[in-house]
Protein backbone atom coordinates (compact mmCIF):
# COMPACT_ATOMS: atom_id res chain seq x y z
CA MET A 1 0.00 0.00 0.00
CA LYS A 2 1.39 3.41 -0.96
CA ARG A 3 2.30 5.49 2.06
CA PHE A 4 0.92 9.04 2.16
CA VAL A 5 3.82 11.52 2.41
CA MET A 6 3.48 15.22 3.11
CA SER A 7 6.18 17.81 2.82
CA ALA A 8 7.81 18.88 6.07
CA ALA A 9 6.48 22.41 5.60
CA LEU A 10 2.88 21.22 5.20
CA THR A 11 3.22 18.94 8.21
CA LEU A 12 4.42 21.80 10.35
CA MET A 13 1.65 24.02 9.05
CA LEU A 14 -1.02 21.56 10.18
CA SER A 15 0.54 21.30 13.63
CA ALA A 16 0.45 25.08 14.06
CA CYS A 17 -3.23 25.77 13.40
CA ALA A 18 -3.95 27.02 16.90
CA GLY A 19 -5.68 30.12 18.18
CA SER A 20 -6.98 32.71 15.72
CA PRO A 21 -6.78 31.65 12.08
CA PRO A 22 -4.14 33.45 9.98
CA PRO A 23 -5.25 35.75 7.18
CA ALA A 24 -6.65 33.97 4.13
CA GLY A 25 -4.59 33.51 0.98
CA PRO A 26 -0.89 32.85 0.29
CA ALA A 27 0.38 35.37 2.83
CA GLY A 28 -1.63 33.72 5.61
CA GLN A 29 -0.47 30.24 4.64
CA GLN A 30 3.14 31.36 4.63
CA ALA A 31 2.72 32.94 8.07
CA ALA A 32 1.25 29.71 9.43
CA MET A 33 4.14 27.66 8.07
CA VAL A 34 6.71 30.07 9.48
CA THR A 35 4.99 29.98 12.87
CA ALA A 36 4.95 26.16 12.91
CA ALA A 37 8.55 25.91 11.75
CA ASP A 38 9.65 28.44 14.35
CA ALA A 39 7.77 26.55 17.07
CA ALA A 40 9.45 23.27 16.14
CA VAL A 41 12.90 24.84 16.01
CA ALA A 42 12.32 26.62 19.32
CA ALA A 43 11.16 23.39 20.98
CA ALA A 44 14.12 21.41 19.65
CA SER A 45 16.51 24.12 20.82
CA THR A 46 15.49 23.44 24.44
CA ILE A 47 17.50 20.21 24.11
CA THR A 48 20.98 21.40 25.10
CA PRO A 49 24.39 19.92 26.00
CA ASP A 50 24.28 21.53 29.44
CA ASP A 51 20.92 19.95 30.23
CA MET A 52 22.09 16.59 28.94
CA HIS A 53 25.18 16.73 31.13
CA ARG A 54 23.21 17.74 34.19
CA ARG A 55 20.72 14.90 33.79
CA ILE A 56 23.23 12.17 32.98
CA ALA A 57 25.57 13.28 35.75
CA PHE A 58 22.74 13.02 38.26
CA LEU A 59 21.46 9.62 37.09
CA ALA A 60 24.99 8.21 36.82
CA SER A 61 26.25 9.65 40.11
CA ASP A 62 27.75 7.42 42.79
CA GLU A 63 24.78 8.34 44.95
CA MET A 64 22.57 6.14 42.72
CA LYS A 65 24.80 3.09 43.36
CA GLY A 66 24.35 1.81 39.83
CA ARG A 67 20.50 1.85 39.83
CA ASP A 68 20.10 -1.90 40.21
CA THR A 69 16.61 -3.43 40.04
CA PRO A 70 15.51 -3.23 42.82
CA SER A 71 17.55 -0.80 44.91
CA PRO A 72 17.31 2.53 46.76
CA GLY A 73 19.29 4.10 43.90
CA LEU A 74 16.69 3.00 41.37
CA GLU A 75 13.96 4.51 43.55
CA MET A 76 15.90 7.80 43.69
CA ALA A 77 16.21 7.82 39.91
CA ALA A 78 12.49 7.12 39.52
CA GLU A 79 11.53 9.91 41.90
CA TYR A 80 13.78 12.33 39.99
CA ILE A 81 12.18 11.40 36.67
CA ALA A 82 8.68 11.76 38.14
CA ARG A 83 9.54 15.23 39.47
CA GLU A 84 10.85 16.25 36.06
CA PHE A 85 7.71 14.99 34.31
CA ALA A 86 5.59 16.96 36.76
CA SER A 87 7.67 20.11 36.24
CA PHE A 88 7.07 19.88 32.49
CA GLY A 89 3.33 19.80 33.07
CA LEU A 90 2.88 16.21 31.89
CA SER A 91 0.06 14.07 33.26
CA PRO A 92 0.76 11.06 35.49
CA ALA A 93 -0.13 7.70 33.93
CA GLY A 94 0.99 5.27 36.60
CA ASP A 95 -0.84 3.68 39.51
CA ASP A 96 -3.56 5.55 41.40
CA GLY A 97 -2.99 8.90 39.71
CA THR A 98 0.80 8.87 40.23
CA PHE A 99 3.70 8.67 37.79
CA MET A 100 4.81 5.32 39.28
CA GLN A 101 3.75 1.99 37.83
CA ARG A 102 4.84 -0.83 40.14
CA TRP A 103 5.46 -4.34 38.86
CA PRO A 104 5.99 -7.57 40.81
CA TYR A 105 9.49 -9.01 40.90
CA GLU A 106 10.67 -12.17 42.62
CA GLN A 107 14.43 -11.94 42.95
CA ALA A 108 16.69 -14.88 43.62
CA GLY A 109 19.92 -14.22 45.44
CA PHE A 110 22.69 -15.97 47.32
CA ASP A 111 22.72 -16.28 51.09
CA ARG A 112 26.27 -15.05 51.41
CA ALA A 113 26.68 -16.43 54.93
CA ALA A 114 25.91 -19.93 53.62
CA THR A 115 27.53 -19.67 50.16
CA GLY A 116 31.26 -20.07 49.69
CA LEU A 117 34.09 -21.75 47.83
CA THR A 118 37.32 -23.07 49.34
CA LEU A 119 40.33 -24.22 47.34
CA ALA A 120 43.09 -26.02 49.20
CA ALA A 121 46.48 -27.54 48.39
CA GLY A 122 49.84 -27.98 50.14
CA GLY A 123 48.71 -26.31 53.33
CA THR A 124 47.41 -23.25 51.44
CA THR A 125 43.72 -22.33 51.58
CA VAL A 126 42.05 -19.95 49.16
CA ASN A 127 38.63 -18.69 50.26
CA ALA A 128 36.64 -17.23 47.38
CA GLU A 129 33.68 -14.86 47.64
CA ILE A 130 30.61 -15.31 45.44
CA GLY A 131 30.29 -12.52 42.87
CA ARG A 132 33.80 -11.25 43.54
CA HIS A 133 36.06 -14.21 42.92
CA PHE A 134 33.69 -16.79 41.47
CA PHE A 135 30.32 -17.49 39.93
CA VAL A 136 28.51 -20.80 40.06
CA LEU A 137 25.81 -22.76 38.28
CA PRO A 138 24.69 -25.10 41.09
CA ALA A 139 24.25 -28.83 40.68
CA MET A 140 20.83 -30.38 40.50
CA GLY A 141 19.43 -31.58 43.82
CA THR A 142 22.24 -30.52 46.15
CA GLU A 143 23.60 -27.44 47.86
CA SER A 144 27.18 -28.64 48.39
CA GLY A 145 29.97 -30.53 46.70
CA SER A 146 33.64 -31.38 47.06
CA GLY A 147 36.37 -33.31 45.30
CA PRO A 148 39.91 -33.40 43.94
CA ILE A 149 41.00 -31.12 41.09
CA THR A 150 42.48 -32.23 37.77
CA TRP A 151 43.88 -29.98 35.04
CA ALA A 152 41.92 -30.77 31.85
CA GLY A 153 43.43 -28.29 29.41
CA VAL A 154 42.51 -25.17 27.48
CA ALA A 155 39.14 -24.44 25.88
CA SER A 156 39.96 -22.73 22.61
CA GLU A 157 39.05 -23.31 18.99
CA GLY A 158 41.13 -26.15 17.62
CA ARG A 159 42.37 -27.07 21.09
CA PRO A 160 39.57 -28.68 23.11
CA PRO A 161 40.12 -29.85 26.66
CA VAL A 162 40.38 -33.58 27.26
CA SER A 163 37.76 -35.88 28.73
CA GLN A 164 39.83 -38.89 29.76
CA GLY A 165 41.22 -39.04 33.28
CA VAL A 166 38.80 -36.59 34.91
CA SER A 167 36.28 -39.08 36.30
CA GLY A 168 34.96 -37.98 39.70
CA ALA A 169 37.25 -34.94 39.86
CA PHE A 170 36.65 -31.25 39.32
CA ALA A 171 38.00 -30.76 35.79
CA ALA A 172 39.79 -27.40 35.64
CA LEU A 173 40.01 -25.80 32.21
CA PHE A 174 41.18 -22.39 31.07
CA VAL A 175 38.84 -20.34 28.87
CA ALA A 176 40.44 -17.39 27.08
CA GLY A 177 38.50 -14.18 26.53
CA THR A 178 38.04 -10.88 28.30
CA GLU A 179 34.25 -10.78 28.11
CA PRO A 180 31.44 -13.36 28.01
CA ASP A 181 30.53 -12.63 24.40
CA ALA A 182 29.03 -15.12 21.94
CA GLN A 183 32.44 -16.56 21.00
CA TRP A 184 33.39 -17.07 24.66
CA GLN A 185 30.07 -18.75 25.45
CA GLN A 186 30.27 -21.03 22.41
CA GLY A 187 33.79 -22.09 23.35
CA LEU A 188 32.69 -22.81 26.89
CA GLN A 189 29.72 -24.88 25.71
CA ARG A 190 31.93 -26.98 23.45
CA ALA A 191 34.38 -27.53 26.29
CA ILE A 192 31.68 -28.58 28.73
CA GLY A 193 30.29 -31.02 26.18
CA THR A 194 33.74 -32.58 25.72
CA VAL A 195 34.61 -32.80 29.42
CA MET A 196 31.23 -34.21 30.39
CA GLY A 197 32.07 -37.35 28.42
CA GLY A 198 34.69 -38.20 31.03
CA GLY A 199 32.24 -38.17 33.95
CA PRO A 200 33.72 -35.34 36.03
CA GLY A 201 32.54 -34.52 39.51
CA GLY A 202 32.36 -30.87 38.48
CA ILE A 203 33.92 -28.30 36.15
CA ILE A 204 36.09 -25.32 37.10
CA VAL A 205 36.30 -22.58 34.46
CA ILE A 206 39.49 -20.59 35.02
CA LEU A 207 38.87 -17.11 33.67
CA ASP A 208 41.27 -15.04 31.60
CA PRO A 209 43.68 -12.83 33.62
CA GLU A 210 42.04 -9.82 31.93
CA PHE A 211 38.47 -10.96 32.59
CA PRO A 212 36.82 -8.03 34.46
CA GLY A 213 35.87 -8.63 38.07
CA GLY A 214 32.64 -6.74 37.47
CA MET A 215 31.63 -9.34 34.89
CA ILE A 216 31.97 -12.05 37.53
CA THR A 217 29.44 -10.15 39.61
CA GLN A 218 27.01 -9.88 36.72
CA ILE A 219 27.31 -13.52 35.68
CA ALA A 220 26.80 -14.61 39.29
CA ASN A 221 23.64 -12.49 39.51
CA GLN A 222 22.34 -13.97 36.27
CA LEU A 223 23.08 -17.60 37.09
CA VAL A 224 21.33 -17.45 40.45
CA ASN A 225 18.07 -17.26 38.53
CA GLN A 226 18.85 -20.23 36.28
CA PRO A 227 17.49 -23.69 37.05
CA PRO A 228 20.42 -26.15 37.47
CA PRO A 229 20.77 -28.06 34.17
CA LEU A 230 23.81 -30.18 35.15
CA PRO A 231 24.33 -33.02 37.63
CA PHE A 232 27.44 -31.28 38.99
CA PHE A 233 28.68 -27.81 39.94
CA LEU A 234 30.00 -25.50 37.22
CA VAL A 235 32.28 -22.90 38.82
CA GLY A 236 33.92 -19.90 37.16
CA ILE A 237 36.86 -18.56 39.14
CA ASP A 238 39.16 -15.58 38.74
CA TYR A 239 42.66 -16.24 37.46
CA ALA A 240 44.47 -14.96 40.56
CA SER A 241 42.67 -17.40 42.88
CA ALA A 242 43.32 -20.31 40.52
CA GLN A 243 46.96 -19.33 40.17
CA ARG A 244 47.43 -19.43 43.97
CA LEU A 245 45.91 -22.91 44.10
CA PHE A 246 48.06 -24.27 41.27
CA SER A 247 51.20 -22.82 42.81
CA ALA A 248 50.37 -24.44 46.16
CA ALA A 249 49.94 -27.76 44.32
CA GLY A 250 53.35 -27.40 42.66
CA ALA A 251 51.99 -26.52 39.19
CA ASP A 252 52.56 -23.47 36.99
CA LEU A 253 49.22 -22.28 35.60
CA ASP A 254 50.85 -19.75 33.26
CA ALA A 255 52.95 -22.50 31.69
CA LEU A 256 50.07 -24.96 31.45
CA ARG A 257 47.76 -22.61 29.60
CA THR A 258 50.41 -21.59 27.08
CA SER A 259 52.29 -24.88 26.57
CA GLY A 260 49.95 -26.47 24.04
CA SER A 261 50.06 -29.73 25.99
CA THR A 262 46.94 -31.90 26.07
CA ASP A 263 48.02 -33.92 29.12
CA VAL A 264 45.58 -34.40 31.97
CA ILE A 265 47.39 -33.50 35.19
CA PRO A 266 45.92 -34.31 38.63
CA LEU A 267 46.88 -31.47 40.97
CA ASP A 268 48.71 -32.96 43.93
CA GLY A 269 46.49 -32.72 47.01
CA ALA A 270 44.30 -29.98 45.51
CA THR A 271 40.64 -29.99 46.53
CA LEU A 272 37.55 -27.87 46.11
CA GLU A 273 34.68 -27.49 48.55
CA ILE A 274 31.58 -25.49 47.67
CA SER A 275 28.27 -24.74 49.33
CA VAL A 276 25.44 -22.73 47.78
CA ARG A 277 22.21 -21.53 49.32
CA LYS A 278 19.70 -19.32 47.57
CA THR A 279 17.25 -16.77 48.89
CA MET A 280 14.06 -15.39 47.34
CA GLU A 281 12.83 -11.83 47.86
CA GLN A 282 9.64 -10.12 46.67
CA SER A 283 9.69 -6.50 45.53
CA THR A 284 7.79 -4.03 43.35
CA PRO A 285 10.22 -1.94 41.26
CA PRO A 286 8.92 1.15 39.46
CA ASN A 287 8.34 2.22 35.91
CA VAL A 288 7.73 5.98 35.54
CA VAL A 289 4.97 6.93 33.10
CA ALA A 290 3.67 10.28 31.83
CA THR A 291 1.40 11.44 29.03
CA LEU A 292 1.03 14.58 26.92
CA ILE A 293 -2.43 14.70 25.37
CA GLY A 294 -2.59 15.71 21.71
CA SER A 295 -4.49 18.62 20.20
CA ASP A 296 -6.48 16.92 17.41
CA PRO A 297 -9.83 15.49 18.57
CA ALA A 298 -9.66 12.89 15.79
CA LEU A 299 -6.09 11.75 16.56
CA ARG A 300 -5.49 12.43 20.25
CA ASP A 301 -6.55 8.88 21.17
CA GLN A 302 -3.49 7.62 19.29
CA TYR A 303 -0.13 7.66 21.07
CA VAL A 304 3.55 7.91 20.18
CA VAL A 305 5.54 6.14 22.91
CA PHE A 306 9.08 7.03 23.99
CA SER A 307 10.91 4.48 26.15
CA ALA A 308 14.29 4.23 27.86
CA HIS A 309 15.50 2.07 30.73
CA MET A 310 16.59 3.86 33.86
CA ASP A 311 18.16 0.84 35.58
CA HIS A 312 21.72 -0.47 35.39
CA VAL A 313 23.63 -3.29 37.13
CA GLY A 314 24.36 -1.83 40.57
CA VAL A 315 27.51 -2.46 42.62
CA GLY A 316 30.04 -5.24 42.14
CA ALA A 317 33.64 -6.19 42.71
CA PRO A 318 36.08 -3.24 42.74
CA ASP A 319 38.18 -2.63 39.65
CA ALA A 320 41.90 -1.87 39.71
CA SER A 321 41.16 1.68 40.88
CA GLY A 322 38.92 0.48 43.71
CA ASP A 323 35.70 1.62 42.02
CA SER A 324 32.83 -0.81 42.65
CA ILE A 325 29.92 1.25 41.28
CA PHE A 326 28.61 0.62 37.77
CA ASN A 327 27.34 4.13 37.07
CA GLY A 328 25.89 3.36 33.64
CA ALA A 329 26.26 6.84 32.15
CA ASP A 330 25.74 5.59 28.61
CA ASP A 331 23.79 2.49 29.61
CA ASP A 332 21.27 3.95 29.96
CA ALA A 333 21.37 7.29 31.73
CA SER A 334 22.03 8.66 28.24
CA GLY A 335 18.75 7.32 26.83
CA THR A 336 16.79 8.34 29.91
CA ALA A 337 18.19 11.88 29.83
CA THR A 338 17.43 12.16 26.11
CA MET A 339 13.85 11.04 26.67
CA LEU A 340 13.46 13.68 29.41
CA GLU A 341 14.83 16.36 27.11
CA VAL A 342 12.43 15.32 24.32
CA ALA A 343 9.51 15.33 26.76
CA GLU A 344 10.43 18.84 27.91
CA ALA A 345 10.70 19.98 24.28
CA PHE A 346 7.20 18.74 23.45
CA ALA A 347 5.76 20.25 26.62
CA SER A 348 7.26 23.64 25.68
CA MET A 349 5.38 23.88 22.37
CA PRO A 350 2.62 26.50 22.25
CA ARG A 351 0.39 23.98 20.49
CA ARG A 352 0.68 20.29 21.19
CA PRO A 353 1.02 17.85 18.29
CA ALA A 354 -2.07 16.15 16.90
CA ARG A 355 -1.42 12.76 18.48
CA SER A 356 -0.74 12.19 22.15
CA MET A 357 2.60 11.13 23.65
CA ILE A 358 3.58 8.60 26.31
CA PHE A 359 6.97 8.79 27.99
CA VAL A 360 8.01 5.74 30.03
CA ALA A 361 11.23 5.12 31.93
CA VAL A 362 11.32 1.40 32.61
CA SER A 363 13.29 -0.65 35.09
CA GLY A 364 14.36 -4.29 34.99
CA GLU A 365 15.87 -4.06 31.49
CA GLU A 366 19.10 -5.55 32.78
CA LYS A 367 17.11 -8.40 34.37
CA GLY A 368 15.53 -9.45 31.07
CA LEU A 369 13.35 -6.55 29.81
CA LEU A 370 10.98 -7.18 32.72
CA GLY A 371 9.70 -3.64 33.35
CA SER A 372 8.83 -2.98 29.72
CA ALA A 373 7.19 -6.41 29.47
CA PHE A 374 4.93 -5.52 32.38
CA PHE A 375 4.17 -2.10 30.90
CA ALA A 376 3.26 -3.58 27.51
CA GLN A 377 0.93 -6.03 29.23
CA ASN A 378 -0.54 -3.40 31.56
CA PRO A 379 -0.48 -0.14 29.58
CA PRO A 380 -2.32 3.06 30.53
CA VAL A 381 -4.03 2.92 27.11
CA PRO A 382 -4.60 -0.13 24.90
CA THR A 383 -1.57 -1.00 22.77
CA GLN A 384 -3.90 -0.82 19.74
CA GLN A 385 -3.89 2.96 20.30
CA MET A 386 -0.06 3.13 20.23
CA VAL A 387 1.09 4.00 16.70
CA ALA A 388 4.86 3.85 17.30
CA ASN A 389 7.54 3.24 19.89
CA ILE A 390 10.88 5.08 19.85
CA ASN A 391 13.36 3.38 22.18
CA LEU A 392 16.60 5.03 23.34
CA ASP A 393 19.38 2.85 24.77
CA MET A 394 23.08 3.80 24.86
CA VAL A 395 22.99 6.91 22.69
CA GLY A 396 25.94 8.99 23.89
CA ARG A 397 29.14 7.52 22.48
CA ASN A 398 31.18 6.52 19.41
CA ALA A 399 31.30 8.22 15.98
CA PRO A 400 30.12 11.84 16.25
CA ASP A 401 28.29 11.86 12.93
CA SER A 402 26.13 8.72 13.06
CA VAL A 403 23.43 6.88 14.97
CA ILE A 404 22.16 3.36 14.40
CA ALA A 405 18.46 2.66 13.90
CA ILE A 406 17.77 -0.94 14.83
CA GLY A 407 14.62 -2.30 13.20
CA ASN A 408 14.36 0.25 10.40
CA GLU A 409 13.59 -2.55 7.92
CA TYR A 410 10.61 -3.80 9.91
CA SER A 411 8.30 -0.80 9.56
CA SER A 412 7.78 2.44 7.69
CA LEU A 413 9.61 4.15 10.56
CA GLY A 414 12.84 3.22 8.75
CA ASP A 415 11.99 5.34 5.70
CA LEU A 416 10.59 8.11 7.86
CA VAL A 417 13.71 8.48 10.01
CA GLN A 418 15.83 8.77 6.86
CA GLU A 419 13.49 11.47 5.56
CA VAL A 420 13.66 13.37 8.84
CA ALA A 421 17.46 13.11 8.96
CA ALA A 422 17.65 14.50 5.41
CA THR A 423 15.25 17.33 6.20
CA HIS A 424 17.30 18.24 9.28
CA SER A 425 20.71 17.72 7.73
CA ASP A 426 22.01 20.56 9.89
CA LEU A 427 22.06 18.04 12.75
CA GLY A 428 24.92 16.28 11.00
CA LEU A 429 23.74 12.75 11.74
CA THR A 430 23.72 9.83 9.35
CA VAL A 431 21.19 7.18 10.37
CA ALA A 432 22.82 3.81 9.78
CA PRO A 433 21.03 0.47 9.58
CA ASP A 434 21.72 -2.39 11.99
CA LEU A 435 25.47 -3.00 11.80
CA TRP A 436 25.28 -6.30 13.68
CA PRO A 437 22.33 -8.25 12.25
CA GLU A 438 23.79 -11.51 13.53
CA GLU A 439 23.35 -10.24 17.10
CA ARG A 440 19.58 -9.81 16.54
CA LEU A 441 19.59 -6.65 18.67
CA PHE A 442 16.02 -5.79 17.69
CA PHE A 443 14.89 -8.70 19.83
CA ARG A 444 17.03 -7.75 22.84
CA SER A 445 15.89 -4.33 24.11
CA ASP A 446 12.74 -2.83 25.57
CA HIS A 447 11.16 -1.87 22.25
CA PHE A 448 10.70 -5.57 21.46
CA ASN A 449 7.95 -5.84 24.06
CA PHE A 450 6.05 -3.13 22.18
CA ALA A 451 6.72 -4.83 18.85
CA LYS A 452 5.37 -8.12 20.19
CA ALA A 453 2.17 -6.25 21.07
CA GLY A 454 1.87 -5.03 17.46
CA VAL A 455 3.37 -1.54 17.88
CA PRO A 456 5.84 -0.51 15.12
CA ALA A 457 9.11 0.22 16.89
CA ILE A 458 12.55 1.63 16.21
CA PHE A 459 15.55 1.49 18.51
CA PHE A 460 18.17 4.26 18.52
CA THR A 461 21.64 3.36 19.77
CA THR A 462 25.19 4.52 19.13
CA GLY A 463 26.62 1.07 19.82
CA LEU A 464 28.81 -0.77 22.29
CA HIS A 465 32.21 0.30 23.60
CA ASP A 466 34.92 -0.85 25.98
CA GLN A 467 33.11 0.66 28.97
CA TYR A 468 29.95 -1.41 28.40
CA HIS A 469 28.90 -2.87 31.78
CA GLN A 470 32.10 -1.61 33.37
CA GLN A 471 32.70 0.75 36.28
CA SER A 472 34.29 3.13 33.79
CA ASP A 473 31.00 4.00 32.00
CA GLU A 474 31.10 7.56 33.34
CA VAL A 475 29.50 10.85 32.31
CA ASP A 476 32.83 12.40 31.28
CA LEU A 477 32.96 10.02 28.30
CA ILE A 478 29.58 11.10 26.90
CA ASP A 479 29.71 13.07 23.64
CA LEU A 480 27.38 15.88 24.73
CA ASP A 481 27.26 17.56 21.34
CA LYS A 482 26.31 14.32 19.61
CA ILE A 483 23.66 13.27 22.12
CA THR A 484 22.10 16.73 21.90
CA ARG A 485 21.83 16.44 18.12
CA LEU A 486 20.41 12.94 18.49
CA GLY A 487 17.82 14.22 20.95
CA ARG A 488 16.73 16.84 18.44
CA LEU A 489 16.52 14.21 15.69
CA ALA A 490 14.35 12.01 17.92
CA PHE A 491 12.13 15.01 18.67
CA HIS A 492 11.63 15.81 14.98
CA LEU A 493 10.93 12.15 14.19
CA ALA A 494 8.30 11.97 16.92
CA LEU A 495 6.77 15.25 15.75
CA GLU A 496 6.35 13.83 12.25
CA ILE A 497 4.77 10.65 13.61
CA ALA A 498 2.49 12.64 15.89
CA THR A 499 1.38 14.95 13.08
CA ARG A 500 0.95 12.97 9.89
CA PRO A 501 -2.56 11.67 9.17
CA THR A 502 -1.27 8.17 8.38
CA ALA A 503 0.26 6.12 11.21
CA PRO A 504 3.40 3.98 10.72
CA THR A 505 2.89 0.49 9.32
CA TRP A 506 4.80 -2.79 9.41
CA THR A 507 6.69 -3.91 6.34
CA GLU A 508 6.28 -7.41 4.95
CA LYS A 509 9.64 -8.29 6.54
CA GLY A 510 8.42 -6.96 9.87
CA ILE A 511 5.22 -8.98 9.73
CA ALA A 512 7.15 -12.12 8.80
CA GLU A 513 9.95 -11.81 11.39
CA VAL A 514 8.52 -9.73 14.21
CA GLN A 515 4.85 -10.51 13.91
CA PRO A 516 4.73 -14.12 12.69
CA SER A 517 1.17 -14.48 13.94
CA GLY A 518 0.09 -11.68 11.61
CA VAL A 519 -0.64 -9.17 14.39
CA GLY A 520 1.48 -6.46 12.73
CA ARG A 521 -0.33 -3.32 11.69
């Protein structure tokens, strides 16, 4: 079906028809267009680098303690966002006339007093702390385990660990890699499959010397929620702890992992003892939701939805500098701040756009998109009335002249964002397609919960970087000029969506891949 396209000038003219009508004829039409264009430019200009810095610095401050879900820092962030929405004059759309929408969360955790790992050899004892020195995938049906330790080799492509000679022992294998990316996980899975053939009593994954301590914390927090799939304990341990154990057992771990040898080597007198006990806690983390009602009686019951996640991953093991707080300036204080700036820009307009707006800061993204899933299932208006979702996640870094639009091929939003970027070429932003299709990022952020409900969605990001999920993701690394221009681009895109008579539609590819049941609109 041919999509109806209006010129930017005509679109702006329609959005400016407020108050007394302008004089009839060409002069009046020109005045209306100038007024609308000026209003849009003035609104976009309220999005500034100083405001971006102020908002991100607050959300990513040490005081927020990494905004984990749930946590006091997350509550502080939510209260700040609610106050800002109120100051803009937006209407609350949460529970009981407030900006807060609470959702139920059952959180598994480790009873740290009853969870521990002890490595021993040659009179030396190494006591490891869960989330700091090790992570664990518990064994089925038991809370404790122990046994001797045998070196089983290196898990790398073309050099699998061995399976013979590990029966009944904890098979220790080295897994190279400085982050748990897809390649690291695939290598680990292959290694586990090989070693399991030898009937081990457990598996010890010795992590790379450069593997970040903060990642151990995050993996530990993720695995506590996983049902045990193995009949034995799978333990990941930091290199320094393993090195102390090997040295006490008269073995050189550095030499073993670099020698190329495939020999199985029982570690003389080395043993592992582990005990794991879980806890379960109930909580109700917040989403923060606000609306701006549109000006057109025929279109104000349709909504353009902005989303960004306000949570991050909290506090973990200290890095080399002693910093234990994952501030999450880019992930995703940047998206949250941008959404606030866009909301303020729309609220500043003398005449609101034709369609209404919803702005939602969700929590629980880092726990599996849980807050946005609850919102999509319990929205303040039916999802059938939502014409588009614009999601903002990690938008403050990398190349100064580009932004990535994930999902542009799935709906007419892809063509529209290119049109808006061309119209506002002064912003100096090229909108690139998904650069990592193999990662299937469209299915891994909060917008996907809207897409599953039939809402055409697009996801703005500027991509990953070395500070992703690290303590070093700080506000000083944000490109304030770039994020300001991106905020203005997002504003102009939303204004077009909120103004044009025809709502965005799914493409055939979107219906086939995102909406296989044919729900796509």
